[in-house]
Structures are given as C-alpha cells and as structure tokens.
Amino acid sequence: MPDPALKWGIASAGLISHDFVVALANKPDKHKVVAVAARSVDRAKEFADKHGIPNHYGSYEAMASDPAVQVRFRFFFAWSCSQFLMVLKGGLRGCGEPSP
C-alpha cells in the first residue's frame, strides 16, 4: 500500500523551517518531509541530518524537480516570484508562511 502522507520539500534551512519541520513530525501518518534545499549544499545537508530528511539540495531548482516532493514550503518574504513560478511550472504545489 502506498504511503498516504503528504511529501514536503522545505526550501530553506533556517529557524522558521526548523519549527515547521518539527511541527510536521507530530503527524507522521499525514506529513513527511522528504527534501530540503538551501543556498549552500552543506547547510542543506546539516539541516537534513538534524531532522532525518532523506534528500538535500544546494539549489531550490534541484529540489523543485525532485519527483518525491508533492508540496514545497518556504517563508514568503524570502520566496521570490520567480521561485514560486518555477514550482508551479514543475507541477508542484507551493505554500509558505505569510510574512508579518
């Protein structure tokens, strides 16, 4: 039987993304973080290792093309219009936390 959990990709390795990943971990039957991307592959790997995320990328474009990712999360003020369009063109759903 396929895993029914929604597969998330996190496009940032900062504090808000950390908090979001921790919150998702409370519902593992409904949510699974399968990838993280950051501007630095080392930072993405560090974040992935800390949270048990199987895939990490040093660019947002690489994660956007990962077929395992169903939804991509990024804190809005850091998410450019071009990045959002890239996600939509790739057939992914995109969402983010609205900036204050």
N, C-alpha and C. Protein backbone atom coordinates (compact mmCIF):
# COMPACT_ATOMS: atom_id res chain seq x y z
N MET A 1 0.85 -1.18 0.00
CA MET A 1 0.00 0.00 0.00
C MET A 1 0.89 1.25 0.00
N PRO A 2 0.61 2.22 -0.87
CA PRO A 2 1.43 3.44 -0.91
C PRO A 2 1.29 4.26 0.37
N ASP A 3 2.35 4.98 0.67
CA ASP A 3 2.36 5.85 1.85
C ASP A 3 1.40 7.02 1.60
N PRO A 4 0.36 7.19 2.45
CA PRO A 4 -0.61 8.26 2.23
C PRO A 4 -0.15 9.64 2.69
N ALA A 5 0.99 9.72 3.35
CA ALA A 5 1.46 11.00 3.89
C ALA A 5 1.80 11.97 2.75
N LEU A 6 1.50 13.25 2.96
CA LEU A 6 1.86 14.31 2.03
C LEU A 6 3.37 14.52 2.10
N LYS A 7 4.04 14.54 0.96
CA LYS A 7 5.50 14.64 0.90
C LYS A 7 5.92 16.10 0.72
N TRP A 8 6.62 16.64 1.71
CA TRP A 8 7.02 18.05 1.74
C TRP A 8 8.47 18.22 1.33
N GLY A 9 8.73 19.32 0.63
CA GLY A 9 10.08 19.81 0.37
C GLY A 9 10.20 21.17 1.04
N ILE A 10 11.25 21.37 1.79
CA ILE A 10 11.44 22.61 2.54
C ILE A 10 12.53 23.43 1.85
N ALA A 11 12.18 24.63 1.40
CA ALA A 11 13.11 25.48 0.66
C ALA A 11 13.68 26.55 1.58
N SER A 12 14.51 26.12 2.50
CA SER A 12 15.22 26.99 3.42
C SER A 12 15.69 26.11 4.58
N ALA A 13 16.76 26.50 5.20
CA ALA A 13 17.28 25.72 6.31
C ALA A 13 17.43 26.59 7.55
N GLY A 14 16.51 27.53 7.73
CA GLY A 14 16.57 28.45 8.85
C GLY A 14 15.65 28.06 9.99
N LEU A 15 15.50 28.97 10.93
CA LEU A 15 14.73 28.71 12.15
C LEU A 15 13.25 28.45 11.89
N ILE A 16 12.63 29.22 11.03
CA ILE A 16 11.20 29.01 10.75
C ILE A 16 10.99 27.65 10.09
N SER A 17 11.88 27.28 9.18
CA SER A 17 11.79 25.96 8.55
C SER A 17 11.98 24.86 9.58
N HIS A 18 12.91 25.06 10.50
CA HIS A 18 13.12 24.09 11.59
C HIS A 18 11.83 23.90 12.38
N ASP A 19 11.20 25.01 12.77
CA ASP A 19 9.96 24.92 13.54
C ASP A 19 8.86 24.22 12.75
N PHE A 20 8.77 24.50 11.46
CA PHE A 20 7.77 23.87 10.61
C PHE A 20 7.99 22.36 10.51
N VAL A 21 9.24 21.95 10.33
CA VAL A 21 9.57 20.53 10.24
C VAL A 21 9.25 19.81 11.55
N VAL A 22 9.57 20.44 12.66
CA VAL A 22 9.26 19.85 13.97
C VAL A 22 7.74 19.68 14.13
N ALA A 23 6.98 20.68 13.69
CA ALA A 23 5.51 20.58 13.77
C ALA A 23 4.99 19.45 12.89
N LEU A 24 5.51 19.32 11.69
CA LEU A 24 5.07 18.25 10.79
C LEU A 24 5.37 16.87 11.37
N ALA A 25 6.45 16.77 12.11
CA ALA A 25 6.84 15.48 12.70
C ALA A 25 5.81 14.96 13.70
N ASN A 26 4.94 15.83 14.18
CA ASN A 26 3.90 15.40 15.12
C ASN A 26 2.79 14.61 14.46
N LYS A 27 2.72 14.62 13.13
CA LYS A 27 1.69 13.90 12.38
C LYS A 27 2.34 13.06 11.27
N PRO A 28 3.20 12.10 11.62
CA PRO A 28 3.94 11.36 10.60
C PRO A 28 3.07 10.54 9.66
N ASP A 29 1.85 10.23 10.07
CA ASP A 29 0.95 9.49 9.19
C ASP A 29 0.35 10.39 8.11
N LYS A 30 0.40 11.71 8.32
CA LYS A 30 -0.18 12.66 7.37
C LYS A 30 0.86 13.50 6.64
N HIS A 31 2.05 13.67 7.23
CA HIS A 31 3.07 14.54 6.66
C HIS A 31 4.45 13.90 6.77
N LYS A 32 5.23 14.04 5.69
CA LYS A 32 6.60 13.54 5.69
C LYS A 32 7.47 14.53 4.92
N VAL A 33 8.54 14.99 5.55
CA VAL A 33 9.49 15.87 4.87
C VAL A 33 10.49 14.98 4.15
N VAL A 34 10.54 15.10 2.82
CA VAL A 34 11.39 14.23 2.00
C VAL A 34 12.58 14.94 1.39
N ALA A 35 12.61 16.29 1.48
CA ALA A 35 13.72 17.03 0.89
C ALA A 35 13.85 18.41 1.53
N VAL A 36 15.07 18.92 1.51
CA VAL A 36 15.35 20.29 1.94
C VAL A 36 16.35 20.88 0.96
N ALA A 37 16.17 22.17 0.67
CA ALA A 37 17.12 22.89 -0.18
C ALA A 37 17.56 24.16 0.53
N ALA A 38 18.79 24.54 0.28
CA ALA A 38 19.33 25.78 0.82
C ALA A 38 20.31 26.34 -0.21
N ARG A 39 20.74 27.57 -0.01
CA ARG A 39 21.71 28.17 -0.94
C ARG A 39 23.06 27.47 -0.86
N SER A 40 23.30 26.77 0.24
CA SER A 40 24.55 26.03 0.44
C SER A 40 24.21 24.55 0.62
N VAL A 41 24.84 23.69 -0.16
CA VAL A 41 24.59 22.26 -0.02
C VAL A 41 25.01 21.76 1.37
N ASP A 42 26.05 22.37 1.94
CA ASP A 42 26.48 21.98 3.28
C ASP A 42 25.42 22.30 4.32
N ARG A 43 24.81 23.46 4.20
CA ARG A 43 23.75 23.86 5.13
C ARG A 43 22.53 22.97 4.95
N ALA A 44 22.20 22.63 3.71
CA ALA A 44 21.08 21.72 3.45
C ALA A 44 21.35 20.34 4.05
N LYS A 45 22.57 19.85 3.91
CA LYS A 45 22.92 18.54 4.47
C LYS A 45 22.84 18.56 5.99
N GLU A 46 23.35 19.62 6.59
CA GLU A 46 23.31 19.74 8.05
C GLU A 46 21.85 19.70 8.55
N PHE A 47 20.98 20.46 7.87
CA PHE A 47 19.56 20.50 8.24
C PHE A 47 18.92 19.13 8.03
N ALA A 48 19.22 18.49 6.90
CA ALA A 48 18.67 17.16 6.61
C ALA A 48 19.11 16.14 7.65
N ASP A 49 20.38 16.16 8.00
CA ASP A 49 20.89 15.22 9.01
C ASP A 49 20.21 15.45 10.37
N LYS A 50 20.04 16.70 10.73
CA LYS A 50 19.43 17.05 12.02
C LYS A 50 17.99 16.55 12.11
N HIS A 51 17.27 16.60 10.98
CA HIS A 51 15.84 16.27 11.00
C HIS A 51 15.51 14.92 10.35
N GLY A 52 16.50 14.17 9.94
CA GLY A 52 16.25 12.86 9.33
C GLY A 52 15.56 12.96 7.97
N ILE A 53 15.90 13.99 7.21
CA ILE A 53 15.32 14.20 5.89
C ILE A 53 16.20 13.48 4.86
N PRO A 54 15.61 12.63 4.02
CA PRO A 54 16.43 11.79 3.14
C PRO A 54 17.16 12.50 2.00
N ASN A 55 16.64 13.62 1.50
CA ASN A 55 17.26 14.29 0.35
C ASN A 55 17.57 15.74 0.68
N HIS A 56 18.72 16.21 0.21
CA HIS A 56 19.10 17.61 0.41
C HIS A 56 19.72 18.15 -0.87
N TYR A 57 19.50 19.46 -1.10
CA TYR A 57 19.94 20.10 -2.33
C TYR A 57 20.58 21.46 -2.03
N GLY A 58 21.54 21.83 -2.85
CA GLY A 58 22.19 23.12 -2.73
C GLY A 58 21.57 24.18 -3.63
N SER A 59 20.41 23.85 -4.22
CA SER A 59 19.68 24.85 -5.01
C SER A 59 18.19 24.53 -4.92
N TYR A 60 17.39 25.58 -5.01
CA TYR A 60 15.94 25.40 -4.97
C TYR A 60 15.43 24.76 -6.25
N GLU A 61 16.11 25.02 -7.36
CA GLU A 61 15.73 24.44 -8.64
C GLU A 61 15.84 22.92 -8.61
N ALA A 62 16.90 22.42 -8.00
CA ALA A 62 17.10 20.97 -7.92
C ALA A 62 15.99 20.31 -7.13
N MET A 63 15.61 20.92 -6.02
CA MET A 63 14.52 20.34 -5.24
C MET A 63 13.19 20.43 -5.97
N ALA A 64 12.98 21.51 -6.71
CA ALA A 64 11.72 21.69 -7.44
C ALA A 64 11.51 20.58 -8.47
N SER A 65 12.60 19.97 -8.94
CA SER A 65 12.46 18.91 -9.93
C SER A 65 12.47 17.51 -9.30
N ASP A 66 12.53 17.42 -7.98
CA ASP A 66 12.52 16.13 -7.29
C ASP A 66 11.11 15.55 -7.35
N PRO A 67 10.93 14.40 -8.00
CA PRO A 67 9.59 13.82 -8.14
C PRO A 67 8.99 13.33 -6.82
N ALA A 68 9.80 13.19 -5.79
CA ALA A 68 9.27 12.74 -4.49
C ALA A 68 8.55 13.85 -3.75
N VAL A 69 8.79 15.12 -4.12
CA VAL A 69 8.21 16.26 -3.42
C VAL A 69 6.84 16.59 -4.01
N GLN A 70 5.82 16.63 -3.14
CA GLN A 70 4.47 16.99 -3.57
C GLN A 70 4.14 18.45 -3.27
N VAL A 71 4.68 18.99 -2.16
CA VAL A 71 4.41 20.37 -1.76
C VAL A 71 5.73 20.98 -1.31
N ARG A 72 5.95 22.22 -1.71
CA ARG A 72 7.17 22.93 -1.33
C ARG A 72 6.81 24.06 -0.38
N PHE A 73 7.54 24.17 0.74
CA PHE A 73 7.30 25.22 1.74
C PHE A 73 8.48 26.18 1.76
N ARG A 74 8.16 27.46 1.85
CA ARG A 74 9.18 28.50 2.04
C ARG A 74 8.53 29.69 2.72
N PHE A 75 9.24 30.31 3.62
CA PHE A 75 8.76 31.53 4.27
C PHE A 75 8.66 32.61 3.21
N PHE A 76 7.49 33.23 3.05
CA PHE A 76 7.18 34.10 1.91
C PHE A 76 8.14 35.25 1.66
N PHE A 77 8.57 35.98 2.68
CA PHE A 77 9.37 37.16 2.36
C PHE A 77 10.67 36.80 1.67
N ALA A 78 11.11 35.56 1.82
CA ALA A 78 12.34 35.12 1.18
C ALA A 78 12.08 34.37 -0.13
N TRP A 79 10.83 34.23 -0.51
CA TRP A 79 10.47 33.44 -1.68
C TRP A 79 10.15 34.37 -2.82
N SER A 80 10.99 34.42 -3.83
CA SER A 80 10.79 35.34 -4.93
C SER A 80 9.70 34.84 -5.87
N CYS A 81 9.16 35.73 -6.64
CA CYS A 81 8.13 35.39 -7.61
C CYS A 81 8.65 34.36 -8.60
N SER A 82 9.90 34.50 -9.03
CA SER A 82 10.45 33.55 -10.00
C SER A 82 10.55 32.14 -9.41
N GLN A 83 10.88 32.03 -8.11
CA GLN A 83 10.94 30.72 -7.47
C GLN A 83 9.55 30.11 -7.39
N PHE A 84 8.54 30.92 -7.07
CA PHE A 84 7.18 30.41 -6.98
C PHE A 84 6.71 29.91 -8.34
N LEU A 85 7.00 30.67 -9.40
CA LEU A 85 6.61 30.25 -10.75
C LEU A 85 7.33 28.97 -11.15
N MET A 86 8.59 28.83 -10.75
CA MET A 86 9.34 27.62 -11.06
C MET A 86 8.64 26.40 -10.45
N VAL A 87 8.16 26.53 -9.23
CA VAL A 87 7.45 25.43 -8.57
C VAL A 87 6.17 25.10 -9.31
N LEU A 88 5.40 26.11 -9.65
CA LEU A 88 4.14 25.86 -10.34
C LEU A 88 4.35 25.25 -11.72
N LYS A 89 5.35 25.71 -12.45
CA LYS A 89 5.64 25.16 -13.77
C LYS A 89 6.08 23.71 -13.68
N GLY A 90 6.71 23.35 -12.56
CA GLY A 90 7.13 21.97 -12.35
C GLY A 90 6.00 21.07 -11.91
N GLY A 91 4.80 21.61 -11.76
CA GLY A 91 3.65 20.80 -11.38
C GLY A 91 3.51 20.59 -9.89
N LEU A 92 4.31 21.29 -9.07
CA LEU A 92 4.24 21.13 -7.62
C LEU A 92 3.25 22.13 -7.03
N ARG A 93 2.79 21.82 -5.84
CA ARG A 93 2.04 22.80 -5.07
C ARG A 93 3.04 23.58 -4.24
N GLY A 94 2.77 24.85 -4.06
CA GLY A 94 3.67 25.69 -3.27
C GLY A 94 2.89 26.40 -2.19
N CYS A 95 3.48 26.55 -1.04
CA CYS A 95 2.85 27.30 0.04
C CYS A 95 3.94 27.90 0.90
N GLY A 96 3.54 28.81 1.76
CA GLY A 96 4.52 29.42 2.65
C GLY A 96 3.82 30.14 3.76
N GLU A 97 4.57 30.50 4.73
CA GLU A 97 4.07 31.27 5.87
C GLU A 97 4.05 32.73 5.48
N PRO A 98 2.94 33.42 5.62
CA PRO A 98 2.92 34.84 5.25
C PRO A 98 3.85 35.66 6.15
N SER A 99 4.52 36.61 5.54
CA SER A 99 5.43 37.45 6.33
C SER A 99 4.64 38.41 7.19
N PRO A 100 5.19 38.80 8.34
CA PRO A 100 4.47 39.69 9.26
C PRO A 100 4.33 41.09 8.70
